[in-house]
Amino acid sequence: MRSTDRSDRPTAPVETQSPSQQTNLKRRGFLLTLGIGSAGAAAIAARSLTTAVPDTGASSGEGTGGAGYQISDHIRRYYRTAKI
């Protein structure tokens, strides 16, 4: 029967990388991280452009005798133009 001990297998010599190869790997990792971060930021920006400002309507201020915050037409226009 064969032994399942891993020490019976021959080991390959470990190759060390030159400093230029290590630099290239670091640069690739940085660029990969930069690309993933940019894609995430673009997805968040696209999502924020598609969300609508919740319309609370004039019903929130009714019955209070004009006291309190009320969204009027000029405020709605401002919210529409202030969207990023």
PDB file of N, CA and C in Angstrom:
ATOM      1  N   MET A   1       0.827  -1.171   0.000  1.00  0.00           N
ATOM      2  CA  MET A   1       0.000   0.000   0.000  1.00  0.00           C
ATOM      3  C   MET A   1       0.878   1.244   0.000  1.00  0.00           C
ATOM      4  N   ARG A   2       0.400   2.315  -0.648  1.00  0.00           N
ATOM      5  CA  ARG A   2       1.180   3.543  -0.759  1.00  0.00           C
ATOM      6  C   ARG A   2       1.025   4.391   0.485  1.00  0.00           C
ATOM      7  N   SER A   3       2.060   5.068   0.795  1.00  0.00           N
ATOM      8  CA  SER A   3       2.033   5.975   1.933  1.00  0.00           C
ATOM      9  C   SER A   3       1.436   7.313   1.490  1.00  0.00           C
ATOM     10  N   THR A   4       0.624   7.921   2.329  1.00  0.00           N
ATOM     11  CA  THR A   4       0.027   9.210   1.990  1.00  0.00           C
ATOM     12  C   THR A   4       0.792  10.363   2.617  1.00  0.00           C
ATOM     13  N   ASP A   5       1.953  10.063   3.134  1.00  0.00           N
ATOM     14  CA  ASP A   5       2.768  11.109   3.753  1.00  0.00           C
ATOM     15  C   ASP A   5       3.300  12.052   2.681  1.00  0.00           C
ATOM     16  N   ARG A   6       3.137  13.323   2.858  1.00  0.00           N
ATOM     17  CA  ARG A   6       3.546  14.305   1.866  1.00  0.00           C
ATOM     18  C   ARG A   6       5.064  14.477   1.817  1.00  0.00           C
ATOM     19  N   SER A   7       5.746  14.026   2.803  1.00  0.00           N
ATOM     20  CA  SER A   7       7.195  14.199   2.800  1.00  0.00           C
ATOM     21  C   SER A   7       7.884  13.292   1.784  1.00  0.00           C
ATOM     22  N   ASP A   8       7.174  12.297   1.242  1.00  0.00           N
ATOM     23  CA  ASP A   8       7.748  11.401   0.246  1.00  0.00           C
ATOM     24  C   ASP A   8       7.877  12.072  -1.113  1.00  0.00           C
ATOM     25  N   ARG A   9       7.126  13.132  -1.330  1.00  0.00           N
ATOM     26  CA  ARG A   9       7.143  13.792  -2.632  1.00  0.00           C
ATOM     27  C   ARG A   9       8.363  14.694  -2.745  1.00  0.00           C
ATOM     28  N   PRO A  10       8.949  14.728  -3.927  1.00  0.00           N
ATOM     29  CA  PRO A  10      10.081  15.646  -4.109  1.00  0.00           C
ATOM     30  C   PRO A  10       9.581  17.090  -4.142  1.00  0.00           C
ATOM     31  N   THR A  11      10.359  17.962  -3.573  1.00  0.00           N
ATOM     32  CA  THR A  11       9.963  19.368  -3.553  1.00  0.00           C
ATOM     33  C   THR A  11      10.708  20.121  -4.637  1.00  0.00           C
ATOM     34  N   ALA A  12      10.025  21.088  -5.228  1.00  0.00           N
ATOM     35  CA  ALA A  12      10.641  21.920  -6.250  1.00  0.00           C
ATOM     36  C   ALA A  12      11.382  23.060  -5.558  1.00  0.00           C
ATOM     37  N   PRO A  13      12.497  23.471  -6.105  1.00  0.00           N
ATOM     38  CA  PRO A  13      13.219  24.582  -5.486  1.00  0.00           C
ATOM     39  C   PRO A  13      12.391  25.867  -5.567  1.00  0.00           C
ATOM     40  N   VAL A  14      12.443  26.632  -4.514  1.00  0.00           N
ATOM     41  CA  VAL A  14      11.703  27.886  -4.462  1.00  0.00           C
ATOM     42  C   VAL A  14      12.494  28.947  -5.207  1.00  0.00           C
ATOM     43  N   GLU A  15      11.829  29.569  -6.172  1.00  0.00           N
ATOM     44  CA  GLU A  15      12.503  30.609  -6.943  1.00  0.00           C
ATOM     45  C   GLU A  15      12.197  31.962  -6.317  1.00  0.00           C
ATOM     46  N   THR A  16      13.213  32.745  -6.157  1.00  0.00           N
ATOM     47  CA  THR A  16      13.000  34.089  -5.634  1.00  0.00           C
ATOM     48  C   THR A  16      12.806  35.035  -6.806  1.00  0.00           C
ATOM     49  N   GLN A  17      12.000  36.040  -6.587  1.00  0.00           N
ATOM     50  CA  GLN A  17      11.731  36.999  -7.644  1.00  0.00           C
ATOM     51  C   GLN A  17      12.724  38.143  -7.546  1.00  0.00           C
ATOM     52  N   SER A  18      13.071  38.667  -8.688  1.00  0.00           N
ATOM     53  CA  SER A  18      13.963  39.808  -8.708  1.00  0.00           C
ATOM     54  C   SER A  18      13.206  41.046  -8.223  1.00  0.00           C
ATOM     55  N   PRO A  19      13.900  42.076  -7.777  1.00  0.00           N
ATOM     56  CA  PRO A  19      13.219  43.288  -7.299  1.00  0.00           C
ATOM     57  C   PRO A  19      12.323  43.936  -8.352  1.00  0.00           C
ATOM     58  N   SER A  20      12.713  43.860  -9.627  1.00  0.00           N
ATOM     59  CA  SER A  20      11.870  44.468 -10.661  1.00  0.00           C
ATOM     60  C   SER A  20      10.560  43.702 -10.812  1.00  0.00           C
ATOM     61  N   GLN A  21      10.580  42.375 -10.650  1.00  0.00           N
ATOM     62  CA  GLN A  21       9.355  41.591 -10.729  1.00  0.00           C
ATOM     63  C   GLN A  21       8.444  41.899  -9.544  1.00  0.00           C
ATOM     64  N   GLN A  22       9.041  42.093  -8.364  1.00  0.00           N
ATOM     65  CA  GLN A  22       8.242  42.437  -7.185  1.00  0.00           C
ATOM     66  C   GLN A  22       7.600  43.807  -7.352  1.00  0.00           C
ATOM     67  N   THR A  23       8.328  44.732  -7.935  1.00  0.00           N
ATOM     68  CA  THR A  23       7.785  46.067  -8.179  1.00  0.00           C
ATOM     69  C   THR A  23       6.623  45.993  -9.154  1.00  0.00           C
ATOM     70  N   ASN A  24       6.772  45.184 -10.199  1.00  0.00           N
ATOM     71  CA  ASN A  24       5.693  45.031 -11.182  1.00  0.00           C
ATOM     72  C   ASN A  24       4.440  44.450 -10.533  1.00  0.00           C
ATOM     73  N   LEU A  25       4.621  43.479  -9.620  1.00  0.00           N
ATOM     74  CA  LEU A  25       3.467  42.894  -8.951  1.00  0.00           C
ATOM     75  C   LEU A  25       2.796  43.914  -8.043  1.00  0.00           C
ATOM     76  N   LYS A  26       3.567  44.734  -7.366  1.00  0.00           N
ATOM     77  CA  LYS A  26       2.989  45.774  -6.515  1.00  0.00           C
ATOM     78  C   LYS A  26       2.228  46.786  -7.360  1.00  0.00           C
ATOM     79  N   ARG A  27       2.805  47.144  -8.494  1.00  0.00           N
ATOM     80  CA  ARG A  27       2.164  48.110  -9.387  1.00  0.00           C
ATOM     81  C   ARG A  27       0.860  47.536  -9.932  1.00  0.00           C
ATOM     82  N   ARG A  28       0.870  46.267 -10.292  1.00  0.00           N
ATOM     83  CA  ARG A  28      -0.339  45.631 -10.803  1.00  0.00           C
ATOM     84  C   ARG A  28      -1.425  45.595  -9.735  1.00  0.00           C
ATOM     85  N   GLY A  29      -1.034  45.287  -8.508  1.00  0.00           N
ATOM     86  CA  GLY A  29      -1.998  45.272  -7.414  1.00  0.00           C
ATOM     87  C   GLY A  29      -2.593  46.647  -7.185  1.00  0.00           C
ATOM     88  N   PHE A  30      -1.758  47.675  -7.251  1.00  0.00           N
ATOM     89  CA  PHE A  30      -2.230  49.047  -7.073  1.00  0.00           C
ATOM     90  C   PHE A  30      -3.210  49.415  -8.177  1.00  0.00           C
ATOM     91  N   LEU A  31      -2.859  49.101  -9.418  1.00  0.00           N
ATOM     92  CA  LEU A  31      -3.733  49.449 -10.537  1.00  0.00           C
ATOM     93  C   LEU A  31      -5.047  48.666 -10.482  1.00  0.00           C
ATOM     94  N   LEU A  32      -4.984  47.412 -10.040  1.00  0.00           N
ATOM     95  CA  LEU A  32      -6.201  46.618  -9.895  1.00  0.00           C
ATOM     96  C   LEU A  32      -7.103  47.232  -8.827  1.00  0.00           C
ATOM     97  N   THR A  33      -6.528  47.627  -7.706  1.00  0.00           N
ATOM     98  CA  THR A  33      -7.298  48.257  -6.636  1.00  0.00           C
ATOM     99  C   THR A  33      -7.890  49.578  -7.104  1.00  0.00           C
ATOM    100  N   LEU A  34      -7.111  50.335  -7.837  1.00  0.00           N
ATOM    101  CA  LEU A  34      -7.592  51.617  -8.360  1.00  0.00           C
ATOM    102  C   LEU A  34      -8.767  51.412  -9.312  1.00  0.00           C
ATOM    103  N   GLY A  35      -8.678  50.422 -10.163  1.00  0.00           N
ATOM    104  CA  GLY A  35      -9.755  50.136 -11.106  1.00  0.00           C
ATOM    105  C   GLY A  35     -11.025  49.677 -10.411  1.00  0.00           C
ATOM    106  N   ILE A  36     -10.889  48.825  -9.412  1.00  0.00           N
ATOM    107  CA  ILE A  36     -12.058  48.340  -8.676  1.00  0.00           C
ATOM    108  C   ILE A  36     -12.704  49.490  -7.904  1.00  0.00           C
ATOM    109  N   GLY A  37     -11.881  50.335  -7.304  1.00  0.00           N
ATOM    110  CA  GLY A  37     -12.423  51.487  -6.571  1.00  0.00           C
ATOM    111  C   GLY A  37     -13.144  52.454  -7.487  1.00  0.00           C
ATOM    112  N   SER A  38     -12.588  52.673  -8.662  1.00  0.00           N
ATOM    113  CA  SER A  38     -13.236  53.571  -9.622  1.00  0.00           C
ATOM    114  C   SER A  38     -14.571  53.007 -10.099  1.00  0.00           C
ATOM    115  N   ALA A  39     -14.612  51.714 -10.338  1.00  0.00           N
ATOM    116  CA  ALA A  39     -15.858  51.084 -10.770  1.00  0.00           C
ATOM    117  C   ALA A  39     -16.919  51.193  -9.678  1.00  0.00           C
ATOM    118  N   GLY A  40     -16.515  51.015  -8.433  1.00  0.00           N
ATOM    119  CA  GLY A  40     -17.457  51.148  -7.323  1.00  0.00           C
ATOM    120  C   GLY A  40     -17.975  52.567  -7.191  1.00  0.00           C
ATOM    121  N   ALA A  41     -17.082  53.538  -7.338  1.00  0.00           N
ATOM    122  CA  ALA A  41     -17.495  54.947  -7.251  1.00  0.00           C
ATOM    123  C   ALA A  41     -18.448  55.302  -8.385  1.00  0.00           C
ATOM    124  N   ALA A  42     -18.188  54.778  -9.571  1.00  0.00           N
ATOM    125  CA  ALA A  42     -19.067  55.049 -10.708  1.00  0.00           C
ATOM    126  C   ALA A  42     -20.444  54.427 -10.484  1.00  0.00           C
ATOM    127  N   ALA A  43     -20.478  53.237  -9.896  1.00  0.00           N
ATOM    128  CA  ALA A  43     -21.763  52.590  -9.628  1.00  0.00           C
ATOM    129  C   ALA A  43     -22.568  53.383  -8.604  1.00  0.00           C
ATOM    130  N   ILE A  44     -21.902  53.883  -7.587  1.00  0.00           N
ATOM    131  CA  ILE A  44     -22.600  54.682  -6.573  1.00  0.00           C
ATOM    132  C   ILE A  44     -23.098  55.986  -7.174  1.00  0.00           C
ATOM    133  N   ALA A  45     -22.285  56.612  -8.015  1.00  0.00           N
ATOM    134  CA  ALA A  45     -22.694  57.860  -8.644  1.00  0.00           C
ATOM    135  C   ALA A  45     -23.888  57.636  -9.573  1.00  0.00           C
ATOM    136  N   ALA A  46     -23.868  56.555 -10.316  1.00  0.00           N
ATOM    137  CA  ALA A  46     -24.986  56.261 -11.219  1.00  0.00           C
ATOM    138  C   ALA A  46     -26.260  55.985 -10.433  1.00  0.00           C
ATOM    139  N   ARG A  47     -26.114  55.318  -9.311  1.00  0.00           N
ATOM    140  CA  ARG A  47     -27.289  55.021  -8.497  1.00  0.00           C
ATOM    141  C   ARG A  47     -27.871  56.296  -7.892  1.00  0.00           C
ATOM    142  N   SER A  48     -26.998  57.205  -7.470  1.00  0.00           N
ATOM    143  CA  SER A  48     -27.497  58.433  -6.860  1.00  0.00           C
ATOM    144  C   SER A  48     -28.183  59.325  -7.898  1.00  0.00           C
ATOM    145  N   LEU A  49     -27.813  59.220  -9.149  1.00  0.00           N
ATOM    146  CA  LEU A  49     -28.471  60.002 -10.188  1.00  0.00           C
ATOM    147  C   LEU A  49     -29.863  59.484 -10.502  1.00  0.00           C
ATOM    148  N   THR A  50     -30.090  58.207 -10.282  1.00  0.00           N
ATOM    149  CA  THR A  50     -31.380  57.624 -10.615  1.00  0.00           C
ATOM    150  C   THR A  50     -32.376  57.703  -9.472  1.00  0.00           C
ATOM    151  N   THR A  51     -31.939  58.012  -8.267  1.00  0.00           N
ATOM    152  CA  THR A  51     -32.872  58.102  -7.156  1.00  0.00           C
ATOM    153  C   THR A  51     -33.599  59.433  -7.204  1.00  0.00           C
ATOM    154  N   ALA A  52     -34.844  59.416  -6.859  1.00  0.00           N
ATOM    155  CA  ALA A  52     -35.671  60.619  -6.902  1.00  0.00           C
ATOM    156  C   ALA A  52     -35.758  61.240  -5.508  1.00  0.00           C
ATOM    157  N   VAL A  53     -35.968  62.530  -5.470  1.00  0.00           N
ATOM    158  CA  VAL A  53     -36.177  63.216  -4.208  1.00  0.00           C
ATOM    159  C   VAL A  53     -37.574  62.854  -3.728  1.00  0.00           C
ATOM    160  N   PRO A  54     -37.684  62.367  -2.495  1.00  0.00           N
ATOM    161  CA  PRO A  54     -39.017  61.988  -2.019  1.00  0.00           C
ATOM    162  C   PRO A  54     -39.928  63.202  -1.943  1.00  0.00           C
ATOM    163  N   ASP A  55     -41.107  63.067  -2.506  1.00  0.00           N
ATOM    164  CA  ASP A  55     -42.071  64.153  -2.520  1.00  0.00           C
ATOM    165  C   ASP A  55     -42.946  64.026  -1.288  1.00  0.00           C
ATOM    166  N   THR A  56     -42.726  64.896  -0.321  1.00  0.00           N
ATOM    167  CA  THR A  56     -43.515  64.842   0.907  1.00  0.00           C
ATOM    168  C   THR A  56     -44.870  65.480   0.705  1.00  0.00           C
ATOM    169  N   GLY A  57     -44.993  66.292  -0.317  1.00  0.00           N
ATOM    170  CA  GLY A  57     -46.268  66.914  -0.647  1.00  0.00           C
ATOM    171  C   GLY A  57     -46.625  68.019   0.329  1.00  0.00           C
ATOM    172  N   ALA A  58     -47.700  68.693   0.033  1.00  0.00           N
ATOM    173  CA  ALA A  58     -48.150  69.790   0.880  1.00  0.00           C
ATOM    174  C   ALA A  58     -48.955  69.283   2.065  1.00  0.00           C
ATOM    175  N   SER A  59     -49.262  67.977   2.117  1.00  0.00           N
ATOM    176  CA  SER A  59     -50.087  67.443   3.186  1.00  0.00           C
ATOM    177  C   SER A  59     -49.381  67.498   4.535  1.00  0.00           C
ATOM    178  N   SER A  60     -48.042  67.552   4.557  1.00  0.00           N
ATOM    179  CA  SER A  60     -47.330  67.581   5.826  1.00  0.00           C
ATOM    180  C   SER A  60     -47.533  68.895   6.563  1.00  0.00           C
ATOM    181  N   GLY A  61     -47.815  69.971   5.849  1.00  0.00           N
ATOM    182  CA  GLY A  61     -47.976  71.264   6.487  1.00  0.00           C
ATOM    183  C   GLY A  61     -49.417  71.684   6.659  1.00  0.00           C
ATOM    184  N   GLU A  62     -50.345  70.886   6.179  1.00  0.00           N
ATOM    185  CA  GLU A  62     -51.749  71.264   6.264  1.00  0.00           C
ATOM    186  C   GLU A  62     -52.260  71.100   7.688  1.00  0.00           C
ATOM    187  N   GLY A  63     -53.130  71.995   8.059  1.00  0.00           N
ATOM    188  CA  GLY A  63     -53.753  71.907   9.370  1.00  0.00           C
ATOM    189  C   GLY A  63     -52.921  72.515  10.483  1.00  0.00           C
ATOM    190  N   THR A  64     -51.756  73.049  10.165  1.00  0.00           N
ATOM    191  CA  THR A  64     -50.921  73.631  11.207  1.00  0.00           C
ATOM    192  C   THR A  64     -51.012  75.143  11.214  1.00  0.00           C
ATOM    193  N   GLY A  65     -51.815  75.702  10.348  1.00  0.00           N
ATOM    194  CA  GLY A  65     -51.977  77.147  10.316  1.00  0.00           C
ATOM    195  C   GLY A  65     -50.790  77.850   9.699  1.00  0.00           C
ATOM    196  N   GLY A  66     -50.054  77.173   8.809  1.00  0.00           N
ATOM    197  CA  GLY A  66     -48.924  77.792   8.127  1.00  0.00           C
ATOM    198  C   GLY A  66     -47.617  77.715   8.891  1.00  0.00           C
ATOM    199  N   ALA A  67     -47.600  77.137  10.055  1.00  0.00           N
ATOM    200  CA  ALA A  67     -46.366  77.024  10.839  1.00  0.00           C
ATOM    201  C   ALA A  67     -45.607  75.781  10.402  1.00  0.00           C
ATOM    202  N   GLY A  68     -44.302  75.854  10.459  1.00  0.00           N
ATOM    203  CA  GLY A  68     -43.481  74.701  10.134  1.00  0.00           C
ATOM    204  C   GLY A  68     -42.958  74.754   8.716  1.00  0.00           C
ATOM    205  N   TYR A  69     -42.197  73.759   8.377  1.00  0.00           N
ATOM    206  CA  TYR A  69     -41.547  73.668   7.068  1.00  0.00           C
ATOM    207  C   TYR A  69     -42.529  73.127   6.043  1.00  0.00           C
ATOM    208  N   GLN A  70     -42.660  73.835   4.942  1.00  0.00           N
ATOM    209  CA  GLN A  70     -43.529  73.389   3.860  1.00  0.00           C
ATOM    210  C   GLN A  70     -42.751  73.449   2.553  1.00  0.00           C
ATOM    211  N   ILE A  71     -42.893  72.404   1.757  1.00  0.00           N
ATOM    212  CA  ILE A  71     -42.224  72.372   0.459  1.00  0.00           C
ATOM    213  C   ILE A  71     -43.139  73.025  -0.558  1.00  0.00           C
ATOM    214  N   SER A  72     -42.663  74.107  -1.138  1.00  0.00           N
ATOM    215  CA  SER A  72     -43.441  74.806  -2.157  1.00  0.00           C
ATOM    216  C   SER A  72     -42.808  74.549  -3.521  1.00  0.00           C
ATOM    217  N   ASP A  73     -43.393  75.119  -4.561  1.00  0.00           N
ATOM    218  CA  ASP A  73     -42.910  74.879  -5.923  1.00  0.00           C
ATOM    219  C   ASP A  73     -41.480  75.365  -6.121  1.00  0.00           C
ATOM    220  N   HIS A  74     -41.144  76.518  -5.560  1.00  0.00           N
ATOM    221  CA  HIS A  74     -39.783  77.013  -5.781  1.00  0.00           C
ATOM    222  C   HIS A  74     -38.754  76.165  -5.044  1.00  0.00           C
ATOM    223  N   ILE A  75     -39.133  75.565  -3.932  1.00  0.00           N
ATOM    224  CA  ILE A  75     -38.214  74.664  -3.225  1.00  0.00           C
ATOM    225  C   ILE A  75     -38.042  73.372  -4.013  1.00  0.00           C
ATOM    226  N   ARG A  76     -39.111  72.856  -4.578  1.00  0.00           N
ATOM    227  CA  ARG A  76     -39.010  71.646  -5.417  1.00  0.00           C
ATOM    228  C   ARG A  76     -38.103  71.890  -6.624  1.00  0.00           C
ATOM    229  N   ARG A  77     -38.247  73.091  -7.229  1.00  0.00           N
ATOM    230  CA  ARG A  77     -37.377  73.451  -8.354  1.00  0.00           C
ATOM    231  C   ARG A  77     -35.906  73.484  -7.910  1.00  0.00           C
ATOM    232  N   TYR A  78     -35.655  74.020  -6.750  1.00  0.00           N
ATOM    233  CA  TYR A  78     -34.286  74.077  -6.237  1.00  0.00           C
ATOM    234  C   TYR A  78     -33.739  72.665  -6.025  1.00  0.00           C
ATOM    235  N   TYR A  79     -34.545  71.796  -5.430  1.00  0.00           N
ATOM    236  CA  TYR A  79     -34.087  70.419  -5.217  1.00  0.00           C
ATOM    237  C   TYR A  79     -33.774  69.734  -6.540  1.00  0.00           C
ATOM    238  N   ARG A  80     -34.579  69.986  -7.554  1.00  0.00           N
ATOM    239  CA  ARG A  80     -34.314  69.366  -8.861  1.00  0.00           C
ATOM    240  C   ARG A  80     -33.023  69.878  -9.469  1.00  0.00           C
ATOM    241  N   THR A  81     -32.746  71.171  -9.318  1.00  0.00           N
ATOM    242  CA  THR A  81     -31.525  71.730  -9.925  1.00  0.00           C
ATOM    243  C   THR A  81     -30.288  71.445  -9.088  1.00  0.00           C
ATOM    244  N   ALA A  82     -30.453  71.177  -7.793  1.00  0.00           N
ATOM    245  CA  ALA A  82     -29.313  70.942  -6.917  1.00  0.00           C
ATOM    246  C   ALA A  82     -28.854  69.498  -6.911  1.00  0.00           C
ATOM    247  N   LYS A  83     -29.542  68.624  -7.609  1.00  0.00           N
ATOM    248  CA  LYS A  83     -29.132  67.214  -7.666  1.00  0.00           C
ATOM    249  C   LYS A  83     -27.753  67.103  -8.283  1.00  0.00           C
ATOM    250  N   ILE A  84     -27.001  66.193  -7.724  1.00  0.00           N
ATOM    251  CA  ILE A  84     -25.645  65.967  -8.260  1.00  0.00           C
ATOM    252  C   ILE A  84     -25.628  64.677  -9.022  1.00  0.00           C
TER     253      ILE A  84
END
